[in-house]
Amino acid sequence: MDNGFILRRAGDWTYYCLPDIERKGIRHGFFTRASPQMYRDLKEKEDFITALGLGDVVILRQEHGDVLNVVKNGERPTTGDGIILLERGVGAVIKTADCLSLIICDPTYPMASILHAGWRGTVKRITEKAIHEMLRIGAKKEWMFAILGPSINRCCYRVNGDVREEFEKKGFSENIFTEYEGGLYLSIRGANREILEKEGIYNIYDLDLCTHCREEEFYSFRRGDRTERQINFVSLE
């Protein structure tokens, strides 16, 4: 792909990643629907750990909120929508099927966060909250960058007026919405870009693939995939 992402395979797992970022010690991946979903199958979890060369994996029960968890010294949270990773060799996983998967890193600390940013988490500014918490812990803004994974894009994400009102109340610009053919459409990645840039993070890598459009690669809740999810992960080498 011309934006630096490549499609990689490890065992049964197929995922998009940035080789340049991996060379900085930040392992990561945005997995396709061809990969196992790692729900309740212990063997799939073990196979994931083996295929990606990890020591352990943290998988949250997501709540469409803004709760962040810090993973260090063997701590293993179970619920929330964001993980700030300080422990090496651990895969931090979130699952999506239209919501945005978002990674923020400072490879010099090293530290990485991975966020589940649906419209509810975005309007609660989970991305801003993660940046502030990472800075509080010791990350340096001048070394931070973000990676935006797949999500439903502006082309397909029709919303109603009360969603627009929620974003307006939280200070988002009108630029994240488009009106055409009588509908209102939201750019969830545009909203999170606004947060990142307002916080001074301009080094942003964007996979820019629409989960709703690309049925052959991704699950989409709005397309009718009600229970299936693709996984997304980050780890520190």
C-alpha atoms as a PDB file:
ATOM      1  CA  MET A   1       0.000   0.000   0.000  1.00  0.00           C
ATOM      2  CA  ASP A   2       1.260   3.491  -0.792  1.00  0.00           C
ATOM      3  CA  ASN A   3       0.691   4.759   2.784  1.00  0.00           C
ATOM      4  CA  GLY A   4       3.386   2.466   4.178  1.00  0.00           C
ATOM      5  CA  PHE A   5       1.155  -0.348   5.429  1.00  0.00           C
ATOM      6  CA  ILE A   6       1.727  -3.916   4.317  1.00  0.00           C
ATOM      7  CA  LEU A   7      -0.413  -7.027   4.677  1.00  0.00           C
ATOM      8  CA  ARG A   8       1.406  -9.673   6.712  1.00  0.00           C
ATOM      9  CA  ARG A   9       0.637 -13.254   7.708  1.00  0.00           C
ATOM     10  CA  ALA A  10       1.705 -15.053  10.893  1.00  0.00           C
ATOM     11  CA  GLY A  11       0.243 -18.517  11.328  1.00  0.00           C
ATOM     12  CA  ASP A  12      -3.528 -18.227  10.864  1.00  0.00           C
ATOM     13  CA  TRP A  13      -3.422 -14.460  11.385  1.00  0.00           C
ATOM     14  CA  THR A  14      -3.482 -11.867   8.597  1.00  0.00           C
ATOM     15  CA  TYR A  15      -2.972  -8.217   9.490  1.00  0.00           C
ATOM     16  CA  TYR A  16      -1.953  -4.769   8.292  1.00  0.00           C
ATOM     17  CA  CYS A  17       1.113  -3.198   9.887  1.00  0.00           C
ATOM     18  CA  LEU A  18       3.828  -0.583   9.342  1.00  0.00           C
ATOM     19  CA  PRO A  19       7.332  -2.122   9.050  1.00  0.00           C
ATOM     20  CA  ASP A  20       8.989   1.234   9.839  1.00  0.00           C
ATOM     21  CA  ILE A  21       7.122   1.396  13.141  1.00  0.00           C
ATOM     22  CA  GLU A  22       7.941  -2.219  13.991  1.00  0.00           C
ATOM     23  CA  ARG A  23      11.614  -1.331  13.619  1.00  0.00           C
ATOM     24  CA  LYS A  24      11.075   1.176  16.440  1.00  0.00           C
ATOM     25  CA  GLY A  25      10.075  -1.705  18.732  1.00  0.00           C
ATOM     26  CA  ILE A  26       6.304  -1.227  18.441  1.00  0.00           C
ATOM     27  CA  ARG A  27       4.681  -4.466  17.257  1.00  0.00           C
ATOM     28  CA  HIS A  28       1.134  -3.900  16.020  1.00  0.00           C
ATOM     29  CA  GLY A  29      -1.519  -5.215  13.697  1.00  0.00           C
ATOM     30  CA  PHE A  30      -4.992  -4.539  12.346  1.00  0.00           C
ATOM     31  CA  PHE A  31      -6.359  -7.974  11.514  1.00  0.00           C
ATOM     32  CA  THR A  32      -8.642  -8.984   8.692  1.00  0.00           C
ATOM     33  CA  ARG A  33     -11.728 -11.155   8.904  1.00  0.00           C
ATOM     34  CA  ALA A  34      -9.638 -14.063   7.594  1.00  0.00           C
ATOM     35  CA  SER A  35      -8.060 -14.292  11.072  1.00  0.00           C
ATOM     36  CA  PRO A  36      -9.498 -16.151  14.086  1.00  0.00           C
ATOM     37  CA  GLN A  37     -11.570 -13.895  16.358  1.00  0.00           C
ATOM     38  CA  MET A  38     -10.215 -15.133  19.723  1.00  0.00           C
ATOM     39  CA  TYR A  39     -13.488 -15.131  21.614  1.00  0.00           C
ATOM     40  CA  ARG A  40     -13.759 -17.961  24.101  1.00  0.00           C
ATOM     41  CA  ASP A  41     -11.398 -20.425  22.473  1.00  0.00           C
ATOM     42  CA  LEU A  42      -8.325 -20.857  24.671  1.00  0.00           C
ATOM     43  CA  LYS A  43      -6.451 -22.578  21.864  1.00  0.00           C
ATOM     44  CA  GLU A  44      -6.955 -19.567  19.565  1.00  0.00           C
ATOM     45  CA  LYS A  45      -5.526 -17.326  22.290  1.00  0.00           C
ATOM     46  CA  GLU A  46      -2.535 -19.617  22.710  1.00  0.00           C
ATOM     47  CA  ASP A  47      -2.047 -19.802  18.934  1.00  0.00           C
ATOM     48  CA  PHE A  48      -2.113 -15.988  18.755  1.00  0.00           C
ATOM     49  CA  ILE A  49       0.531 -15.684  21.453  1.00  0.00           C
ATOM     50  CA  THR A  50       2.733 -18.214  19.671  1.00  0.00           C
ATOM     51  CA  ALA A  51       2.271 -16.785  16.162  1.00  0.00           C
ATOM     52  CA  LEU A  52       3.054 -13.222  17.269  1.00  0.00           C
ATOM     53  CA  GLY A  53       5.908 -14.212  19.583  1.00  0.00           C
ATOM     54  CA  LEU A  54       4.282 -12.787  22.719  1.00  0.00           C
ATOM     55  CA  GLY A  55       4.471 -13.758  26.371  1.00  0.00           C
ATOM     56  CA  ASP A  56       0.833 -12.968  27.156  1.00  0.00           C
ATOM     57  CA  VAL A  57      -2.202 -11.107  25.844  1.00  0.00           C
ATOM     58  CA  VAL A  58      -4.750  -8.748  27.434  1.00  0.00           C
ATOM     59  CA  ILE A  59      -8.270  -8.713  25.979  1.00  0.00           C
ATOM     60  CA  LEU A  60     -10.880  -6.325  27.413  1.00  0.00           C
ATOM     61  CA  ARG A  61     -14.623  -6.632  27.717  1.00  0.00           C
ATOM     62  CA  GLN A  62     -15.401  -3.383  25.915  1.00  0.00           C
ATOM     63  CA  GLU A  63     -18.132  -0.989  27.038  1.00  0.00           C
ATOM     64  CA  HIS A  64     -18.200   1.865  24.466  1.00  0.00           C
ATOM     65  CA  GLY A  65     -16.877   4.244  27.105  1.00  0.00           C
ATOM     66  CA  ASP A  66     -13.629   6.002  28.004  1.00  0.00           C
ATOM     67  CA  VAL A  67     -12.148   3.777  30.717  1.00  0.00           C
ATOM     68  CA  LEU A  68      -8.384   3.313  30.336  1.00  0.00           C
ATOM     69  CA  ASN A  69      -6.277   0.587  31.934  1.00  0.00           C
ATOM     70  CA  VAL A  70      -2.524   0.659  32.532  1.00  0.00           C
ATOM     71  CA  VAL A  71      -0.800  -2.695  31.977  1.00  0.00           C
ATOM     72  CA  LYS A  72       2.459  -3.113  33.894  1.00  0.00           C
ATOM     73  CA  ASN A  73       4.092  -5.552  36.303  1.00  0.00           C
ATOM     74  CA  GLY A  74       1.719  -8.407  35.522  1.00  0.00           C
ATOM     75  CA  GLU A  75      -1.513  -6.424  35.947  1.00  0.00           C
ATOM     76  CA  ARG A  76      -4.330  -7.829  33.780  1.00  0.00           C
ATOM     77  CA  PRO A  77      -7.461  -5.625  33.509  1.00  0.00           C
ATOM     78  CA  THR A  78     -10.663  -7.139  32.159  1.00  0.00           C
ATOM     79  CA  THR A  79     -13.012  -4.258  31.217  1.00  0.00           C
ATOM     80  CA  GLY A  80     -12.745  -0.875  29.520  1.00  0.00           C
ATOM     81  CA  ASP A  81     -12.051   0.595  26.099  1.00  0.00           C
ATOM     82  CA  GLY A  82      -8.391   1.500  26.250  1.00  0.00           C
ATOM     83  CA  ILE A  83      -5.082  -0.005  27.318  1.00  0.00           C
ATOM     84  CA  ILE A  84      -1.890   1.894  28.094  1.00  0.00           C
ATOM     85  CA  LEU A  85       0.907  -0.622  27.792  1.00  0.00           C
ATOM     86  CA  LEU A  86       4.124  -0.357  29.793  1.00  0.00           C
ATOM     87  CA  GLU A  87       4.952  -4.063  30.079  1.00  0.00           C
ATOM     88  CA  ARG A  88       7.047  -5.592  27.317  1.00  0.00           C
ATOM     89  CA  GLY A  89       6.076  -8.776  25.508  1.00  0.00           C
ATOM     90  CA  VAL A  90       2.345  -8.425  26.188  1.00  0.00           C
ATOM     91  CA  GLY A  91      -0.186  -8.018  23.382  1.00  0.00           C
ATOM     92  CA  ALA A  92      -2.884  -5.441  24.161  1.00  0.00           C
ATOM     93  CA  VAL A  93      -5.983  -6.311  22.109  1.00  0.00           C
ATOM     94  CA  ILE A  94      -9.213  -4.555  21.227  1.00  0.00           C
ATOM     95  CA  LYS A  95     -11.970  -5.814  18.913  1.00  0.00           C
ATOM     96  CA  THR A  96     -13.879  -3.781  16.355  1.00  0.00           C
ATOM     97  CA  ALA A  97     -16.499  -4.067  13.621  1.00  0.00           C
ATOM     98  CA  ASP A  98     -16.917  -0.419  12.463  1.00  0.00           C
ATOM     99  CA  CYS A  99     -15.514   1.445  15.487  1.00  0.00           C
ATOM    100  CA  LEU A 100     -12.042   2.918  15.050  1.00  0.00           C
ATOM    101  CA  SER A 101      -9.007   1.097  16.418  1.00  0.00           C
ATOM    102  CA  LEU A 102      -6.402   3.675  17.378  1.00  0.00           C
ATOM    103  CA  ILE A 103      -2.814   3.261  18.594  1.00  0.00           C
ATOM    104  CA  ILE A 104      -0.729   6.024  20.217  1.00  0.00           C
ATOM    105  CA  CYS A 105       2.963   5.429  20.970  1.00  0.00           C
ATOM    106  CA  ASP A 106       6.118   6.904  22.385  1.00  0.00           C
ATOM    107  CA  PRO A 107       8.799   4.386  21.360  1.00  0.00           C
ATOM    108  CA  THR A 108      11.492   6.157  23.392  1.00  0.00           C
ATOM    109  CA  TYR A 109       9.829   5.505  26.791  1.00  0.00           C
ATOM    110  CA  PRO A 110       8.638   2.949  25.544  1.00  0.00           C
ATOM    111  CA  MET A 111       4.859   3.187  25.907  1.00  0.00           C
ATOM    112  CA  ALA A 112       1.878   2.422  23.703  1.00  0.00           C
ATOM    113  CA  SER A 113      -1.870   2.715  24.019  1.00  0.00           C
ATOM    114  CA  ILE A 114      -4.606   1.054  21.997  1.00  0.00           C
ATOM    115  CA  LEU A 115      -8.139   2.428  22.002  1.00  0.00           C
ATOM    116  CA  HIS A 116     -11.609   1.324  20.993  1.00  0.00           C
ATOM    117  CA  ALA A 117     -13.071   4.565  19.630  1.00  0.00           C
ATOM    118  CA  GLY A 118     -16.667   4.254  18.521  1.00  0.00           C
ATOM    119  CA  TRP A 119     -18.730   7.408  18.317  1.00  0.00           C
ATOM    120  CA  ARG A 120     -19.544   7.219  22.031  1.00  0.00           C
ATOM    121  CA  GLY A 121     -15.923   6.780  23.081  1.00  0.00           C
ATOM    122  CA  THR A 122     -14.847   9.479  20.641  1.00  0.00           C
ATOM    123  CA  VAL A 123     -17.372  12.029  21.881  1.00  0.00           C
ATOM    124  CA  LYS A 124     -16.171  11.239  25.422  1.00  0.00           C
ATOM    125  CA  ARG A 125     -12.698  12.089  24.079  1.00  0.00           C
ATOM    126  CA  ILE A 126     -11.040   8.797  24.994  1.00  0.00           C
ATOM    127  CA  THR A 127      -8.141   9.724  22.696  1.00  0.00           C
ATOM    128  CA  GLU A 128      -7.512  12.984  24.552  1.00  0.00           C
ATOM    129  CA  LYS A 129      -7.741  11.153  27.864  1.00  0.00           C
ATOM    130  CA  ALA A 130      -5.180   8.573  26.709  1.00  0.00           C
ATOM    131  CA  ILE A 131      -2.736  11.258  25.567  1.00  0.00           C
ATOM    132  CA  HIS A 132      -2.971  13.096  28.869  1.00  0.00           C
ATOM    133  CA  GLU A 133      -2.490   9.908  30.882  1.00  0.00           C
ATOM    134  CA  MET A 134       0.508   8.873  28.791  1.00  0.00           C
ATOM    135  CA  LEU A 135       2.079  12.287  29.335  1.00  0.00           C
ATOM    136  CA  ARG A 136       1.385  12.046  33.062  1.00  0.00           C
ATOM    137  CA  ILE A 137       3.168   8.693  33.198  1.00  0.00           C
ATOM    138  CA  GLY A 138       6.198  10.064  31.376  1.00  0.00           C
ATOM    139  CA  ALA A 139       5.746   9.948  27.604  1.00  0.00           C
ATOM    140  CA  LYS A 140       7.086  12.917  25.636  1.00  0.00           C
ATOM    141  CA  LYS A 141       4.762  14.587  23.147  1.00  0.00           C
ATOM    142  CA  GLU A 142       7.570  15.320  20.691  1.00  0.00           C
ATOM    143  CA  TRP A 143       8.138  11.570  20.255  1.00  0.00           C
ATOM    144  CA  MET A 144       4.511  10.498  20.115  1.00  0.00           C
ATOM    145  CA  PHE A 145       2.709   9.318  16.999  1.00  0.00           C
ATOM    146  CA  ALA A 146      -0.645   7.725  16.212  1.00  0.00           C
ATOM    147  CA  ILE A 147      -1.826   4.927  13.945  1.00  0.00           C
ATOM    148  CA  LEU A 148      -5.456   4.839  12.792  1.00  0.00           C
ATOM    149  CA  GLY A 149      -6.743   1.398  11.885  1.00  0.00           C
ATOM    150  CA  PRO A 150      -9.794   0.379   9.852  1.00  0.00           C
ATOM    151  CA  SER A 151     -13.233   1.779  10.681  1.00  0.00           C
ATOM    152  CA  ILE A 152     -16.488   2.673   9.042  1.00  0.00           C
ATOM    153  CA  ASN A 153     -15.736   5.839   7.084  1.00  0.00           C
ATOM    154  CA  ARG A 154     -17.634   9.012   6.272  1.00  0.00           C
ATOM    155  CA  CYS A 155     -18.887   7.421   3.037  1.00  0.00           C
ATOM    156  CA  CYS A 156     -21.010   4.881   4.937  1.00  0.00           C
ATOM    157  CA  TYR A 157     -21.539   6.149   8.502  1.00  0.00           C
ATOM    158  CA  ARG A 158     -24.963   7.769   8.475  1.00  0.00           C
ATOM    159  CA  VAL A 159     -26.046   9.202  11.833  1.00  0.00           C
ATOM    160  CA  ASN A 160     -28.900  11.318  13.143  1.00  0.00           C
ATOM    161  CA  GLY A 161     -29.014  14.848  14.459  1.00  0.00           C
ATOM    162  CA  ASP A 162     -28.655  14.021  18.136  1.00  0.00           C
ATOM    163  CA  VAL A 163     -25.215  12.512  17.432  1.00  0.00           C
ATOM    164  CA  ARG A 164     -24.193  15.785  15.795  1.00  0.00           C
ATOM    165  CA  GLU A 165     -25.426  17.697  18.849  1.00  0.00           C
ATOM    166  CA  GLU A 166     -23.321  15.512  21.161  1.00  0.00           C
ATOM    167  CA  PHE A 167     -20.185  16.228  19.143  1.00  0.00           C
ATOM    168  CA  GLU A 168     -20.944  19.941  18.969  1.00  0.00           C
ATOM    169  CA  LYS A 169     -21.331  20.072  22.765  1.00  0.00           C
ATOM    170  CA  LYS A 170     -17.858  18.544  23.125  1.00  0.00           C
ATOM    171  CA  GLY A 171     -16.215  21.111  20.858  1.00  0.00           C
ATOM    172  CA  PHE A 172     -15.774  19.163  17.634  1.00  0.00           C
ATOM    173  CA  SER A 173     -15.915  21.087  14.372  1.00  0.00           C
ATOM    174  CA  GLU A 174     -18.530  20.795  11.645  1.00  0.00           C
ATOM    175  CA  ASN A 175     -15.811  19.398   9.374  1.00  0.00           C
ATOM    176  CA  ILE A 176     -16.336  15.894  10.731  1.00  0.00           C
ATOM    177  CA  PHE A 177     -19.864  15.818   9.246  1.00  0.00           C
ATOM    178  CA  THR A 178     -21.063  15.719   5.655  1.00  0.00           C
ATOM    179  CA  GLU A 179     -24.619  16.150   4.426  1.00  0.00           C
ATOM    180  CA  TYR A 180     -25.713  14.629   1.123  1.00  0.00           C
ATOM    181  CA  GLU A 181     -28.834  13.067  -0.353  1.00  0.00           C
ATOM    182  CA  GLY A 182     -30.798  13.991   2.752  1.00  0.00           C
ATOM    183  CA  GLY A 183     -28.461  12.177   5.123  1.00  0.00           C
ATOM    184  CA  LEU A 184     -25.906  13.177   7.740  1.00  0.00           C
ATOM    185  CA  TYR A 185     -22.580  11.301   7.713  1.00  0.00           C
ATOM    186  CA  LEU A 186     -19.880  11.229  10.395  1.00  0.00           C
ATOM    187  CA  SER A 187     -16.118  10.810   9.971  1.00  0.00           C
ATOM    188  CA  ILE A 188     -15.070   9.075  13.145  1.00  0.00           C
ATOM    189  CA  ARG A 189     -11.431   9.087  12.067  1.00  0.00           C
ATOM    190  CA  GLY A 190     -11.745  12.800  11.283  1.00  0.00           C
ATOM    191  CA  ALA A 191     -13.007  13.441  14.811  1.00  0.00           C
ATOM    192  CA  ASN A 192     -10.062  11.582  16.333  1.00  0.00           C
ATOM    193  CA  ARG A 193      -7.646  13.392  14.028  1.00  0.00           C
ATOM    194  CA  GLU A 194      -9.038  16.654  15.401  1.00  0.00           C
ATOM    195  CA  ILE A 195      -8.251  15.497  18.931  1.00  0.00           C
ATOM    196  CA  LEU A 196      -4.732  14.348  18.028  1.00  0.00           C
ATOM    197  CA  GLU A 197      -3.858  17.545  16.210  1.00  0.00           C
ATOM    198  CA  LYS A 198      -5.366  19.751  18.918  1.00  0.00           C
ATOM    199  CA  GLU A 199      -3.121  17.915  21.384  1.00  0.00           C
ATOM    200  CA  GLY A 200      -0.077  18.570  19.188  1.00  0.00           C
ATOM    201  CA  ILE A 201       0.310  15.106  17.661  1.00  0.00           C
ATOM    202  CA  TYR A 202       0.700  15.545  13.915  1.00  0.00           C
ATOM    203  CA  ASN A 203       2.620  12.373  13.065  1.00  0.00           C
ATOM    204  CA  ILE A 204      -0.403  10.265  12.124  1.00  0.00           C
ATOM    205  CA  TYR A 205      -0.398   7.076  10.060  1.00  0.00           C
ATOM    206  CA  ASP A 206      -3.817   6.286   8.614  1.00  0.00           C
ATOM    207  CA  LEU A 207      -4.746   2.893   7.167  1.00  0.00           C
ATOM    208  CA  ASP A 208      -7.897   4.608   5.840  1.00  0.00           C
ATOM    209  CA  LEU A 209      -9.873   1.481   4.970  1.00  0.00           C
ATOM    210  CA  CYS A 210     -13.652   1.412   5.405  1.00  0.00           C
ATOM    211  CA  THR A 211     -14.948  -1.683   7.185  1.00  0.00           C
ATOM    212  CA  HIS A 212     -18.389  -1.241   5.616  1.00  0.00           C
ATOM    213  CA  CYS A 213     -17.088  -0.940   2.036  1.00  0.00           C
ATOM    214  CA  ARG A 214     -14.491  -3.712   2.200  1.00  0.00           C
ATOM    215  CA  GLU A 215     -16.656  -6.746   2.925  1.00  0.00           C
ATOM    216  CA  GLU A 216     -13.958  -9.114   1.682  1.00  0.00           C
ATOM    217  CA  GLU A 217     -11.534  -7.914   4.390  1.00  0.00           C
ATOM    218  CA  PHE A 218     -13.472  -6.687   7.427  1.00  0.00           C
ATOM    219  CA  TYR A 219     -16.558  -7.307   9.517  1.00  0.00           C
ATOM    220  CA  SER A 220     -19.049  -4.442   9.725  1.00  0.00           C
ATOM    221  CA  PHE A 221     -21.805  -4.147  12.308  1.00  0.00           C
ATOM    222  CA  ARG A 222     -23.767  -1.835  10.039  1.00  0.00           C
ATOM    223  CA  ARG A 223     -23.497  -4.275   7.176  1.00  0.00           C
ATOM    224  CA  GLY A 224     -25.064  -6.977   9.345  1.00  0.00           C
ATOM    225  CA  ASP A 225     -22.150  -8.643  11.176  1.00  0.00           C
ATOM    226  CA  ARG A 226     -23.746  -8.517  14.623  1.00  0.00           C
ATOM    227  CA  THR A 227     -21.417 -10.772  16.603  1.00  0.00           C
ATOM    228  CA  GLU A 228     -18.235 -11.064  14.532  1.00  0.00           C
ATOM    229  CA  ARG A 229     -15.254  -8.834  15.313  1.00  0.00           C
ATOM    230  CA  GLN A 230     -11.751  -8.351  13.940  1.00  0.00           C
ATOM    231  CA  ILE A 231      -8.936  -7.905  16.423  1.00  0.00           C
ATOM    232  CA  ASN A 232      -6.306  -5.181  16.699  1.00  0.00           C
ATOM    233  CA  PHE A 233      -3.188  -5.289  18.844  1.00  0.00           C
ATOM    234  CA  VAL A 234      -0.064  -3.503  19.966  1.00  0.00           C
ATOM    235  CA  SER A 235       2.935  -4.703  21.991  1.00  0.00           C
ATOM    236  CA  LEU A 236       6.334  -3.468  23.139  1.00  0.00           C
ATOM    237  CA  GLU A 237       9.350  -5.523  22.149  1.00  0.00           C
END
